[in-house]
């Protein structure tokens, strides 16, 4: 009986671990992750976090997000890389200049950030909107990007997709509706996560950026063939926002791109399945060693 009970308890604990947000998903960093750091780039103040040492890895968050979205995987990547996660211009605690925003605009900002910190070349990883930004960065400045990882990336307007979810949530109900769309495991969307995500969004004052987002100058479809970096396209198997077949469309346009699908994950596998996500990315990076690896 005791053995059976122990197995049942362990199974319940494992199931809970799969659907319950870790502290990192609530924007609580591990002790290894640095305190917020700041840099001024052409009058724009950018917040970023770092962990680890080695070849540089730049992480670009999605629409309405911040660098803290990467807290659950930064330490794993920091075992081999100097990992830098930024609040992209217009989001998080970074400056929000007045004007129109686009993925091209943010790619220019990321390029300037990399030059200022002398990060070229780097592994560049982007999620959702950040994937669109990362792909444009790799296509326009190939010398900056040694390897590219695109995670449930936006940018390819190839077919109708989910558009009726709140883009700029102002209430707990709207935030919950948004998160239920993002995550496959509904148990992941706890009241604590809903409160944390809404309070962070409201405190960041990124509603201006969200409502001043416009189409980019060039279609991403036309830019992808110019990418020279080895590329991994990672997708949550149950992403309802950008269906997994979008990964095939990305890979078809980037020479030699590989696809990895994370099971039981939605639009943010780095939060929902961080261990599996980090292992898949590290396997890809190990199969394509960086030229400046130590």
Protein backbone atom coordinates (compact mmCIF):
# COMPACT_ATOMS: atom_id res chain seq x y z
CA UNK A 1 0.00 0.00 0.00
CA UNK A 2 2.76 2.43 0.96
CA UNK A 3 4.52 1.86 -2.36
CA UNK A 4 1.31 2.35 -4.32
CA UNK A 5 0.52 5.48 -2.31
CA UNK A 6 4.00 6.85 -2.97
CA UNK A 7 3.64 6.23 -6.70
CA UNK A 8 0.25 7.97 -6.74
CA UNK A 9 1.61 10.95 -4.81
CA UNK A 10 4.59 11.19 -7.16
CA UNK A 11 2.32 11.01 -10.20
CA UNK A 12 0.10 13.76 -8.82
CA UNK A 13 3.15 15.91 -8.08
CA UNK A 14 4.45 15.37 -11.62
CA UNK A 15 1.09 16.24 -13.13
CA UNK A 16 0.92 19.39 -11.01
CA UNK A 17 4.41 20.36 -12.11
CA UNK A 18 3.33 20.08 -15.74
CA UNK A 19 0.37 22.44 -15.38
CA UNK A 20 1.33 24.81 -12.56
CA UNK A 21 3.43 27.88 -13.31
CA UNK A 22 6.85 27.90 -11.70
CA UNK A 23 7.98 31.08 -9.92
CA UNK A 24 9.97 31.98 -13.05
CA UNK A 25 6.71 32.05 -15.04
CA UNK A 26 5.51 34.66 -12.55
CA UNK A 27 8.54 36.84 -13.45
CA UNK A 28 10.54 35.68 -10.42
CA UNK A 29 14.16 35.20 -11.55
CA UNK A 30 16.52 32.55 -10.24
CA UNK A 31 19.45 33.88 -8.17
CA UNK A 32 21.73 33.26 -11.16
CA UNK A 33 19.97 35.86 -13.30
CA UNK A 34 21.31 39.38 -12.98
CA UNK A 35 19.48 42.34 -11.54
CA UNK A 36 18.00 44.61 -14.24
CA UNK A 37 20.64 46.37 -16.31
CA UNK A 38 20.19 49.44 -18.48
CA UNK A 39 21.79 50.90 -21.59
CA UNK A 40 21.05 54.02 -23.64
CA UNK A 41 20.92 53.54 -27.40
CA UNK A 42 20.30 56.62 -29.50
CA UNK A 43 18.30 58.17 -26.68
CA UNK A 44 16.28 55.01 -26.01
CA UNK A 45 16.72 53.38 -22.61
CA UNK A 46 16.70 49.58 -22.83
CA UNK A 47 16.34 47.20 -19.86
CA UNK A 48 17.96 43.79 -20.02
CA UNK A 49 18.93 40.79 -17.89
CA UNK A 50 21.92 38.47 -18.25
CA UNK A 51 23.10 35.08 -17.06
CA UNK A 52 26.03 32.79 -17.84
CA UNK A 53 29.18 33.22 -19.88
CA UNK A 54 30.42 32.18 -23.29
CA UNK A 55 29.23 33.03 -26.80
CA UNK A 56 26.37 35.58 -26.77
CA UNK A 57 22.69 34.63 -27.03
CA UNK A 58 20.07 37.37 -27.49
CA UNK A 59 16.44 36.65 -26.53
CA UNK A 60 13.57 38.68 -28.02
CA UNK A 61 10.14 38.43 -26.39
CA UNK A 62 6.70 38.53 -28.00
CA UNK A 63 4.00 41.18 -28.41
CA UNK A 64 3.04 42.75 -25.10
CA UNK A 65 5.76 40.80 -23.28
CA UNK A 66 9.10 41.57 -21.69
CA UNK A 67 12.50 40.03 -20.98
CA UNK A 68 11.01 38.34 -17.91
CA UNK A 69 9.11 35.96 -20.22
CA UNK A 70 12.43 34.10 -20.67
CA UNK A 71 13.22 33.57 -16.98
CA UNK A 72 12.25 29.87 -17.05
CA UNK A 73 14.91 28.97 -19.65
CA UNK A 74 17.66 31.55 -19.23
CA UNK A 75 19.60 29.62 -16.61
CA UNK A 76 19.62 26.45 -18.74
CA UNK A 77 21.03 28.37 -21.70
CA UNK A 78 23.47 30.15 -19.40
CA UNK A 79 25.40 26.92 -18.84
CA UNK A 80 26.94 27.42 -22.29
CA UNK A 81 26.13 30.97 -23.36
CA UNK A 82 26.17 34.54 -22.17
CA UNK A 83 22.41 35.01 -22.32
CA UNK A 84 20.94 38.49 -22.73
CA UNK A 85 17.17 39.01 -22.60
CA UNK A 86 15.93 42.51 -23.42
CA UNK A 87 12.75 44.49 -23.06
CA UNK A 88 12.32 45.46 -26.69
CA UNK A 89 11.79 49.13 -27.37
CA UNK A 90 8.19 50.05 -26.63
CA UNK A 91 7.63 47.18 -24.18
CA UNK A 92 8.38 46.26 -20.59
CA UNK A 93 10.44 48.87 -18.75
CA UNK A 94 12.27 50.10 -21.86
CA UNK A 95 11.59 53.53 -23.37
CA UNK A 96 8.50 53.98 -25.53
CA UNK A 97 9.21 56.70 -28.10
CA UNK A 98 6.15 58.23 -29.72
CA UNK A 99 5.48 57.10 -33.27
CA UNK A 100 4.53 53.99 -35.21
CA UNK A 101 6.00 50.61 -34.31
CA UNK A 102 6.76 47.62 -36.52
CA UNK A 103 8.94 44.51 -36.60
CA UNK A 104 11.37 46.35 -38.92
CA UNK A 105 11.66 49.18 -36.39
CA UNK A 106 12.38 46.75 -33.55
CA UNK A 107 14.91 44.86 -35.68
CA UNK A 108 16.81 48.12 -36.18
CA UNK A 109 16.73 48.68 -32.41
CA UNK A 110 17.99 45.13 -31.72
CA UNK A 111 20.79 45.63 -34.26
CA UNK A 112 21.86 48.85 -32.49
CA UNK A 113 21.73 47.06 -29.12
CA UNK A 114 23.98 44.28 -30.42
CA UNK A 115 26.46 46.77 -31.81
CA UNK A 116 26.55 48.77 -28.58
CA UNK A 117 27.28 45.66 -26.50
CA UNK A 118 29.52 44.13 -29.19
CA UNK A 119 27.43 40.97 -29.38
CA UNK A 120 28.04 40.15 -33.05
CA UNK A 121 27.75 37.39 -34.01
CA UNK A 122 25.21 35.88 -31.61
CA UNK A 123 22.61 33.20 -31.33
CA UNK A 124 19.34 35.10 -31.68
CA UNK A 125 16.06 33.61 -30.46
CA UNK A 126 12.69 35.27 -30.86
CA UNK A 127 9.20 34.24 -29.77
CA UNK A 128 5.99 35.25 -31.56
CA UNK A 129 6.52 38.93 -32.52
CA UNK A 130 10.12 38.50 -31.37
CA UNK A 131 10.53 35.77 -33.97
CA UNK A 132 9.42 38.17 -36.69
CA UNK A 133 11.96 40.68 -35.37
CA UNK A 134 14.72 38.05 -35.14
CA UNK A 135 14.09 36.82 -38.69
CA UNK A 136 14.29 40.36 -40.08
CA UNK A 137 17.48 40.94 -38.10
CA UNK A 138 19.03 37.76 -39.55
CA UNK A 139 17.98 38.64 -43.10
CA UNK A 140 19.12 42.27 -43.03
CA UNK A 141 22.29 41.91 -40.93
CA UNK A 142 23.49 38.33 -41.50
CA UNK A 143 26.82 39.08 -39.85
CA UNK A 144 25.00 39.70 -36.56
CA UNK A 145 23.27 36.34 -36.37
CA UNK A 146 25.28 33.14 -36.19
CA UNK A 147 22.29 30.92 -35.41
CA UNK A 148 18.59 31.66 -35.39
CA UNK A 149 15.79 30.13 -33.30
CA UNK A 150 12.21 31.08 -34.15
CA UNK A 151 9.54 30.15 -31.57
CA UNK A 152 5.86 30.16 -32.61
CA UNK A 153 6.76 33.19 -34.68
CA UNK A 154 4.37 35.74 -36.10
CA UNK A 155 4.93 37.59 -39.35
CA UNK A 156 3.70 35.21 -42.06
CA UNK A 157 0.21 36.39 -43.00
CA UNK A 158 -0.63 33.26 -44.98
CA UNK A 159 -4.06 32.31 -43.69
CA UNK A 160 -6.79 33.39 -41.25
CA UNK A 161 -5.82 32.98 -37.60
CA UNK A 162 -7.16 33.73 -34.14
CA UNK A 163 -7.69 37.49 -33.93
CA UNK A 164 -10.55 37.87 -31.43
CA UNK A 165 -8.48 37.65 -28.25
CA UNK A 166 -7.69 40.79 -26.20
CA UNK A 167 -4.52 42.49 -27.43
CA UNK A 168 -4.48 45.11 -24.69
CA UNK A 169 -6.14 43.55 -21.61
CA UNK A 170 -7.36 45.99 -18.99
CA UNK A 171 -9.26 43.66 -16.64
CA UNK A 172 -8.61 40.30 -14.99
CA UNK A 173 -11.25 38.69 -17.20
CA UNK A 174 -9.59 39.99 -20.36
CA UNK A 175 -6.16 38.85 -19.16
CA UNK A 176 -7.52 35.41 -18.31
CA UNK A 177 -9.11 35.14 -21.76
CA UNK A 178 -5.77 35.98 -23.37
CA UNK A 179 -3.80 33.47 -21.29
CA UNK A 180 -6.30 30.68 -21.89
CA UNK A 181 -5.61 31.14 -25.60
CA UNK A 182 -1.84 31.07 -25.11
CA UNK A 183 -1.47 27.98 -22.90
CA UNK A 184 -2.61 24.43 -23.62
CA UNK A 185 -2.75 23.36 -19.96
CA UNK A 186 -5.68 25.30 -18.58
CA UNK A 187 -4.42 24.60 -15.06
CA UNK A 188 -1.42 26.74 -15.97
CA UNK A 189 -3.66 29.80 -15.99
CA UNK A 190 -3.85 30.29 -12.22
CA UNK A 191 -5.31 33.38 -10.53
CA UNK A 192 -1.75 34.30 -9.49
CA UNK A 193 -0.54 34.20 -13.09
CA UNK A 194 -3.51 36.24 -14.30
CA UNK A 195 -2.91 38.91 -11.63
CA UNK A 196 0.83 39.02 -12.26
CA UNK A 197 0.55 39.31 -16.03
CA UNK A 198 -2.15 41.99 -15.87
CA UNK A 199 -0.36 44.10 -13.25
CA UNK A 200 2.90 43.88 -15.22
CA UNK A 201 1.14 44.90 -18.43
CA UNK A 202 -0.61 47.85 -16.82
CA UNK A 203 2.58 48.99 -15.05
CA UNK A 204 4.62 48.86 -18.26
CA UNK A 205 2.30 51.34 -20.04
CA UNK A 206 2.81 49.55 -23.36
CA UNK A 207 -0.76 50.15 -24.50
CA UNK A 208 0.60 53.01 -26.64
CA UNK A 209 2.92 50.62 -28.47
CA UNK A 210 0.17 48.03 -28.93
CA UNK A 211 -2.19 50.59 -30.46
CA UNK A 212 0.49 52.08 -32.70
CA UNK A 213 1.61 48.80 -34.25
CA UNK A 214 1.62 48.88 -38.05
CA UNK A 215 2.63 46.63 -40.91
CA UNK A 216 6.33 46.44 -41.74
CA UNK A 217 7.96 47.93 -44.81
CA UNK A 218 8.78 44.57 -46.38
CA UNK A 219 6.85 41.31 -46.32
CA UNK A 220 8.59 38.73 -44.17
CA UNK A 221 7.96 36.10 -46.86
CA UNK A 222 10.29 38.03 -49.17
CA UNK A 223 13.05 38.35 -46.55
CA UNK A 224 13.28 34.78 -45.26
CA UNK A 225 15.23 33.36 -48.25
CA UNK A 226 18.04 35.84 -47.43
CA UNK A 227 18.67 34.19 -44.03
CA UNK A 228 22.03 32.40 -44.02
CA UNK A 229 22.24 31.36 -40.34
CA UNK A 230 21.45 27.76 -39.34
CA UNK A 231 17.84 27.99 -38.20
CA UNK A 232 15.63 26.03 -35.82
CA UNK A 233 11.88 26.58 -35.98
CA UNK A 234 10.26 25.56 -32.66
CA UNK A 235 6.50 25.26 -32.31
CA UNK A 236 4.02 24.30 -29.62
CA UNK A 237 2.00 21.35 -30.95
CA UNK A 238 -1.25 22.90 -29.75
CA UNK A 239 -0.66 26.55 -30.62
CA UNK A 240 -4.08 27.95 -31.63
CA UNK A 241 -2.77 31.43 -32.43
CA UNK A 242 -0.24 30.44 -35.09
CA UNK A 243 -1.07 26.83 -36.07
CA UNK A 244 1.89 24.40 -36.20
CA UNK A 245 1.73 24.17 -39.98
CA UNK A 246 3.05 27.74 -39.95
CA UNK A 247 6.36 26.17 -38.92
CA UNK A 248 6.42 24.35 -42.27
CA UNK A 249 5.91 27.65 -44.08
CA UNK A 250 8.87 29.18 -42.23
CA UNK A 251 11.11 26.19 -42.89
CA UNK A 252 10.19 26.11 -46.57
CA UNK A 253 11.51 29.65 -46.98
CA UNK A 254 14.75 29.34 -44.96
CA UNK A 255 17.40 27.13 -46.49
CA UNK A 256 18.25 24.15 -44.29
CA UNK A 257 15.88 25.09 -41.47
CA UNK A 258 14.93 22.38 -38.97
CA UNK A 259 11.58 22.04 -37.18
CA UNK A 260 11.01 20.88 -33.61
CA UNK A 261 7.48 20.51 -32.25
CA UNK A 262 7.00 20.61 -28.47
CA UNK A 263 4.10 18.32 -27.42
CA UNK A 264 1.43 19.47 -24.98
CA UNK A 265 2.42 23.10 -25.47
CA UNK A 266 0.62 26.12 -26.84
CA UNK A 267 1.95 29.49 -28.01
CA UNK A 268 4.65 29.81 -25.32
CA UNK A 269 6.46 26.45 -24.93
CA UNK A 270 9.38 28.14 -23.14
CA UNK A 271 6.98 28.90 -20.27
CA UNK A 272 4.69 25.89 -20.43
CA UNK A 273 7.32 23.17 -21.12
CA UNK A 274 10.63 24.91 -20.28
CA UNK A 275 12.68 21.76 -19.71
CA UNK A 276 11.67 20.13 -22.97
CA UNK A 277 12.02 23.42 -24.83
CA UNK A 278 15.53 24.15 -23.51
CA UNK A 279 16.68 20.60 -24.26
CA UNK A 280 15.47 20.82 -27.87
CA UNK A 281 17.17 24.16 -28.46
CA UNK A 282 20.43 23.07 -26.83
CA UNK A 283 20.49 19.90 -28.95
CA UNK A 284 20.20 22.03 -32.09
CA UNK A 285 22.89 24.45 -30.93
CA UNK A 286 25.21 21.55 -30.06
CA UNK A 287 24.82 20.17 -33.57
CA UNK A 288 25.86 23.58 -34.97
CA UNK A 289 28.78 24.74 -32.77
CA UNK A 290 29.33 28.49 -32.59
CA UNK A 291 32.47 29.83 -34.26
CA UNK A 292 33.43 31.72 -31.08
CA UNK A 293 32.64 28.88 -28.66
CA UNK A 294 35.21 28.50 -25.91
